[in-house]
Amino acid sequence: MPPCVVRHGIVGPIEVRDERGRRLRWDTADDGAISIRLRKGESGFGPAPDAEAEVRV
């Protein structure tokens, strides 16, 4: 299963959660990207620290 790599552009600490709100494990990739292991059909999201919006993958 290849990882989902996301270049998020969020400055500061981030959290990645599943659709139930549980924290997902992720790794730092290159150039400010993160690498998330998601199974087919799974999704993750991260609340943007300075906005009310979310970043969904």
PDB file of N, CA and C in Angstrom:
ATOM      1  N   MET A   1       0.857  -1.182   0.000  1.00  0.00           N
ATOM      2  CA  MET A   1       0.000   0.000   0.000  1.00  0.00           C
ATOM      3  C   MET A   1       0.894   1.233   0.000  1.00  0.00           C
ATOM      4  N   PRO A   2       0.899   1.999  -1.088  1.00  0.00           N
ATOM      5  CA  PRO A   2       1.703   3.222  -1.113  1.00  0.00           C
ATOM      6  C   PRO A   2       1.063   4.296  -0.229  1.00  0.00           C
ATOM      7  N   PRO A   3       1.879   5.159   0.369  1.00  0.00           N
ATOM      8  CA  PRO A   3       1.329   6.210   1.230  1.00  0.00           C
ATOM      9  C   PRO A   3       0.672   7.326   0.422  1.00  0.00           C
ATOM     10  N   CYS A   4      -0.205   8.035   1.067  1.00  0.00           N
ATOM     11  CA  CYS A   4      -0.797   9.250   0.515  1.00  0.00           C
ATOM     12  C   CYS A   4       0.120  10.391   0.955  1.00  0.00           C
ATOM     13  N   VAL A   5       0.720  11.096   0.001  1.00  0.00           N
ATOM     14  CA  VAL A   5       1.628  12.195   0.319  1.00  0.00           C
ATOM     15  C   VAL A   5       0.906  13.511   0.047  1.00  0.00           C
ATOM     16  N   VAL A   6       0.884  14.368   1.059  1.00  0.00           N
ATOM     17  CA  VAL A   6       0.155  15.634   0.974  1.00  0.00           C
ATOM     18  C   VAL A   6       1.100  16.792   1.264  1.00  0.00           C
ATOM     19  N   ARG A   7       1.149  17.764   0.370  1.00  0.00           N
ATOM     20  CA  ARG A   7       1.882  19.016   0.602  1.00  0.00           C
ATOM     21  C   ARG A   7       0.832  20.021   1.092  1.00  0.00           C
ATOM     22  N   HIS A   8       0.780  20.214   2.393  1.00  0.00           N
ATOM     23  CA  HIS A   8      -0.334  20.945   3.002  1.00  0.00           C
ATOM     24  C   HIS A   8      -0.132  22.444   3.122  1.00  0.00           C
ATOM     25  N   GLY A   9       1.067  22.937   3.247  1.00  0.00           N
ATOM     26  CA  GLY A   9       1.309  24.371   3.353  1.00  0.00           C
ATOM     27  C   GLY A   9       0.891  25.000   4.679  1.00  0.00           C
ATOM     28  N   ILE A  10       0.572  24.197   5.675  1.00  0.00           N
ATOM     29  CA  ILE A  10       0.173  24.716   6.984  1.00  0.00           C
ATOM     30  C   ILE A  10       1.426  24.976   7.806  1.00  0.00           C
ATOM     31  N   VAL A  11       1.522  26.176   8.360  1.00  0.00           N
ATOM     32  CA  VAL A  11       2.666  26.523   9.198  1.00  0.00           C
ATOM     33  C   VAL A  11       2.358  26.119  10.633  1.00  0.00           C
ATOM     34  N   GLY A  12       3.294  25.444  11.278  1.00  0.00           N
ATOM     35  CA  GLY A  12       3.101  25.033  12.661  1.00  0.00           C
ATOM     36  C   GLY A  12       2.687  23.585  12.766  1.00  0.00           C
ATOM     37  N   PRO A  13       2.403  23.150  13.987  1.00  0.00           N
ATOM     38  CA  PRO A  13       2.053  21.746  14.217  1.00  0.00           C
ATOM     39  C   PRO A  13       0.719  21.389  13.570  1.00  0.00           C
ATOM     40  N   ILE A  14       0.616  20.154  13.123  1.00  0.00           N
ATOM     41  CA  ILE A  14      -0.631  19.683  12.519  1.00  0.00           C
ATOM     42  C   ILE A  14      -1.071  18.393  13.187  1.00  0.00           C
ATOM     43  N   GLU A  15      -2.326  18.060  13.020  1.00  0.00           N
ATOM     44  CA  GLU A  15      -2.885  16.788  13.449  1.00  0.00           C
ATOM     45  C   GLU A  15      -3.622  16.210  12.257  1.00  0.00           C
ATOM     46  N   VAL A  16      -3.584  14.897  12.139  1.00  0.00           N
ATOM     47  CA  VAL A  16      -4.333  14.210  11.097  1.00  0.00           C
ATOM     48  C   VAL A  16      -5.258  13.225  11.789  1.00  0.00           C
ATOM     49  N   ARG A  17      -6.526  13.250  11.432  1.00  0.00           N
ATOM     50  CA  ARG A  17      -7.526  12.398  12.091  1.00  0.00           C
ATOM     51  C   ARG A  17      -8.351  11.645  11.057  1.00  0.00           C
ATOM     52  N   ASP A  18      -8.941  10.545  11.504  1.00  0.00           N
ATOM     53  CA  ASP A  18      -9.826   9.794  10.618  1.00  0.00           C
ATOM     54  C   ASP A  18     -11.238  10.351  10.713  1.00  0.00           C
ATOM     55  N   GLU A  19     -12.167   9.718  10.001  1.00  0.00           N
ATOM     56  CA  GLU A  19     -13.538  10.234   9.967  1.00  0.00           C
ATOM     57  C   GLU A  19     -14.258  10.145  11.306  1.00  0.00           C
ATOM     58  N   ARG A  20     -13.716   9.368  12.244  1.00  0.00           N
ATOM     59  CA  ARG A  20     -14.290   9.288  13.596  1.00  0.00           C
ATOM     60  C   ARG A  20     -13.610  10.229  14.582  1.00  0.00           C
ATOM     61  N   GLY A  21     -12.609  10.975  14.113  1.00  0.00           N
ATOM     62  CA  GLY A  21     -11.906  11.913  14.969  1.00  0.00           C
ATOM     63  C   GLY A  21     -10.683  11.350  15.670  1.00  0.00           C
ATOM     64  N   ARG A  22     -10.347  10.087  15.380  1.00  0.00           N
ATOM     65  CA  ARG A  22      -9.162   9.473  16.003  1.00  0.00           C
ATOM     66  C   ARG A  22      -7.900   9.927  15.268  1.00  0.00           C
ATOM     67  N   ARG A  23      -6.842  10.136  16.026  1.00  0.00           N
ATOM     68  CA  ARG A  23      -5.575  10.556  15.424  1.00  0.00           C
ATOM     69  C   ARG A  23      -5.013   9.464  14.533  1.00  0.00           C
ATOM     70  N   LEU A  24      -4.510   9.880  13.371  1.00  0.00           N
ATOM     71  CA  LEU A  24      -3.834   8.971  12.454  1.00  0.00           C
ATOM     72  C   LEU A  24      -2.336   9.208  12.544  1.00  0.00           C
ATOM     73  N   ARG A  25      -1.570   8.142  12.386  1.00  0.00           N
ATOM     74  CA  ARG A  25      -0.116   8.271  12.373  1.00  0.00           C
ATOM     75  C   ARG A  25       0.310   8.777  11.005  1.00  0.00           C
ATOM     76  N   TRP A  26       1.290   9.648  11.010  1.00  0.00           N
ATOM     77  CA  TRP A  26       1.836  10.170   9.767  1.00  0.00           C
ATOM     78  C   TRP A  26       3.316  10.424   9.953  1.00  0.00           C
ATOM     79  N   ASP A  27       4.025  10.525   8.840  1.00  0.00           N
ATOM     80  CA  ASP A  27       5.457  10.792   8.845  1.00  0.00           C
ATOM     81  C   ASP A  27       5.739  12.040   8.029  1.00  0.00           C
ATOM     82  N   THR A  28       6.823  12.707   8.365  1.00  0.00           N
ATOM     83  CA  THR A  28       7.262  13.852   7.576  1.00  0.00           C
ATOM     84  C   THR A  28       7.920  13.340   6.301  1.00  0.00           C
ATOM     85  N   ALA A  29       7.512  13.871   5.180  1.00  0.00           N
ATOM     86  CA  ALA A  29       8.130  13.550   3.888  1.00  0.00           C
ATOM     87  C   ALA A  29       8.994  14.752   3.497  1.00  0.00           C
ATOM     88  N   ASP A  30       9.431  14.801   2.280  1.00  0.00           N
ATOM     89  CA  ASP A  30      10.295  15.907   1.856  1.00  0.00           C
ATOM     90  C   ASP A  30       9.499  17.172   1.523  1.00  0.00           C
ATOM     91  N   ASP A  31      10.172  18.294   1.518  1.00  0.00           N
ATOM     92  CA  ASP A  31       9.612  19.596   1.113  1.00  0.00           C
ATOM     93  C   ASP A  31       8.345  19.992   1.852  1.00  0.00           C
ATOM     94  N   GLY A  32       8.274  19.693   3.150  1.00  0.00           N
ATOM     95  CA  GLY A  32       7.122  20.110   3.939  1.00  0.00           C
ATOM     96  C   GLY A  32       5.885  19.256   3.742  1.00  0.00           C
ATOM     97  N   ALA A  33       6.009  18.126   3.094  1.00  0.00           N
ATOM     98  CA  ALA A  33       4.874  17.235   2.878  1.00  0.00           C
ATOM     99  C   ALA A  33       4.788  16.232   4.026  1.00  0.00           C
ATOM    100  N   ILE A  34       3.622  15.602   4.146  1.00  0.00           N
ATOM    101  CA  ILE A  34       3.463  14.514   5.102  1.00  0.00           C
ATOM    102  C   ILE A  34       3.020  13.265   4.343  1.00  0.00           C
ATOM    103  N   SER A  35       3.325  12.126   4.915  1.00  0.00           N
ATOM    104  CA  SER A  35       2.992  10.841   4.329  1.00  0.00           C
ATOM    105  C   SER A  35       2.041  10.121   5.277  1.00  0.00           C
ATOM    106  N   ILE A  36       0.861   9.755   4.772  1.00  0.00           N
ATOM    107  CA  ILE A  36      -0.172   9.114   5.583  1.00  0.00           C
ATOM    108  C   ILE A  36      -0.503   7.760   4.956  1.00  0.00           C
ATOM    109  N   ARG A  37      -0.535   6.723   5.752  1.00  0.00           N
ATOM    110  CA  ARG A  37      -0.923   5.394   5.259  1.00  0.00           C
ATOM    111  C   ARG A  37      -2.438   5.267   5.395  1.00  0.00           C
ATOM    112  N   LEU A  38      -3.121   5.258   4.274  1.00  0.00           N
ATOM    113  CA  LEU A  38      -4.574   5.099   4.258  1.00  0.00           C
ATOM    114  C   LEU A  38      -4.926   3.879   3.420  1.00  0.00           C
ATOM    115  N   ARG A  39      -5.877   3.096   3.871  1.00  0.00           N
ATOM    116  CA  ARG A  39      -6.381   1.985   3.078  1.00  0.00           C
ATOM    117  C   ARG A  39      -7.387   2.514   2.060  1.00  0.00           C
ATOM    118  N   LYS A  40      -7.657   1.726   1.051  1.00  0.00           N
ATOM    119  CA  LYS A  40      -8.636   2.107   0.042  1.00  0.00           C
ATOM    120  C   LYS A  40      -9.966   2.436   0.724  1.00  0.00           C
ATOM    121  N   GLY A  41     -10.518   3.591   0.403  1.00  0.00           N
ATOM    122  CA  GLY A  41     -11.778   4.022   0.980  1.00  0.00           C
ATOM    123  C   GLY A  41     -11.649   4.824   2.264  1.00  0.00           C
ATOM    124  N   GLU A  42     -10.460   4.830   2.893  1.00  0.00           N
ATOM    125  CA  GLU A  42     -10.257   5.619   4.106  1.00  0.00           C
ATOM    126  C   GLU A  42      -9.952   7.062   3.742  1.00  0.00           C
ATOM    127  N   SER A  43     -10.211   7.942   4.674  1.00  0.00           N
ATOM    128  CA  SER A  43      -9.872   9.347   4.479  1.00  0.00           C
ATOM    129  C   SER A  43      -9.314   9.910   5.777  1.00  0.00           C
ATOM    130  N   GLY A  44      -8.648  11.019   5.646  1.00  0.00           N
ATOM    131  CA  GLY A  44      -8.103  11.705   6.804  1.00  0.00           C
ATOM    132  C   GLY A  44      -8.350  13.183   6.663  1.00  0.00           C
ATOM    133  N   PHE A  45      -8.308  13.903   7.755  1.00  0.00           N
ATOM    134  CA  PHE A  45      -8.454  15.352   7.688  1.00  0.00           C
ATOM    135  C   PHE A  45      -7.618  15.978   8.779  1.00  0.00           C
ATOM    136  N   GLY A  46      -7.313  17.217   8.581  1.00  0.00           N
ATOM    137  CA  GLY A  46      -6.557  17.963   9.570  1.00  0.00           C
ATOM    138  C   GLY A  46      -7.151  19.339   9.718  1.00  0.00           C
ATOM    139  N   PRO A  47      -7.468  19.722  10.934  1.00  0.00           N
ATOM    140  CA  PRO A  47      -7.968  21.077  11.138  1.00  0.00           C
ATOM    141  C   PRO A  47      -6.854  22.085  10.920  1.00  0.00           C
ATOM    142  N   ALA A  48      -7.112  23.107  10.157  1.00  0.00           N
ATOM    143  CA  ALA A  48      -6.133  24.164   9.953  1.00  0.00           C
ATOM    144  C   ALA A  48      -6.046  24.976  11.241  1.00  0.00           C
ATOM    145  N   PRO A  49      -4.839  25.206  11.774  1.00  0.00           N
ATOM    146  CA  PRO A  49      -4.705  25.830  13.093  1.00  0.00           C
ATOM    147  C   PRO A  49      -5.208  27.272  13.187  1.00  0.00           C
ATOM    148  N   ASP A  50      -5.183  28.014  12.096  1.00  0.00           N
ATOM    149  CA  ASP A  50      -5.581  29.424  12.162  1.00  0.00           C
ATOM    150  C   ASP A  50      -6.855  29.706  11.376  1.00  0.00           C
ATOM    151  N   ALA A  51      -7.625  28.682  11.089  1.00  0.00           N
ATOM    152  CA  ALA A  51      -8.851  28.872  10.305  1.00  0.00           C
ATOM    153  C   ALA A  51      -9.907  27.875  10.777  1.00  0.00           C
ATOM    154  N   GLU A  52     -11.129  28.133  10.406  1.00  0.00           N
ATOM    155  CA  GLU A  52     -12.200  27.225  10.752  1.00  0.00           C
ATOM    156  C   GLU A  52     -12.319  26.098   9.741  1.00  0.00           C
ATOM    157  N   ALA A  53     -11.605  26.186   8.629  1.00  0.00           N
ATOM    158  CA  ALA A  53     -11.691  25.187   7.574  1.00  0.00           C
ATOM    159  C   ALA A  53     -10.873  23.955   7.920  1.00  0.00           C
ATOM    160  N   GLU A  54     -11.135  22.869   7.219  1.00  0.00           N
ATOM    161  CA  GLU A  54     -10.381  21.637   7.369  1.00  0.00           C
ATOM    162  C   GLU A  54      -9.673  21.331   6.057  1.00  0.00           C
ATOM    163  N   VAL A  55      -8.627  20.559   6.143  1.00  0.00           N
ATOM    164  CA  VAL A  55      -7.940  20.048   4.970  1.00  0.00           C
ATOM    165  C   VAL A  55      -8.258  18.566   4.915  1.00  0.00           C
ATOM    166  N   ARG A  56      -8.946  18.111   3.868  1.00  0.00           N
ATOM    167  CA  ARG A  56      -9.334  16.703   3.745  1.00  0.00           C
ATOM    168  C   ARG A  56      -8.550  16.036   2.633  1.00  0.00           C
ATOM    169  N   VAL A  57      -8.191  14.752   2.887  1.00  0.00           N
ATOM    170  CA  VAL A  57      -7.519  13.929   1.866  1.00  0.00           C
ATOM    171  C   VAL A  57      -8.233  12.609   1.747  1.00  0.00           C
TER     172      VAL A  57
END
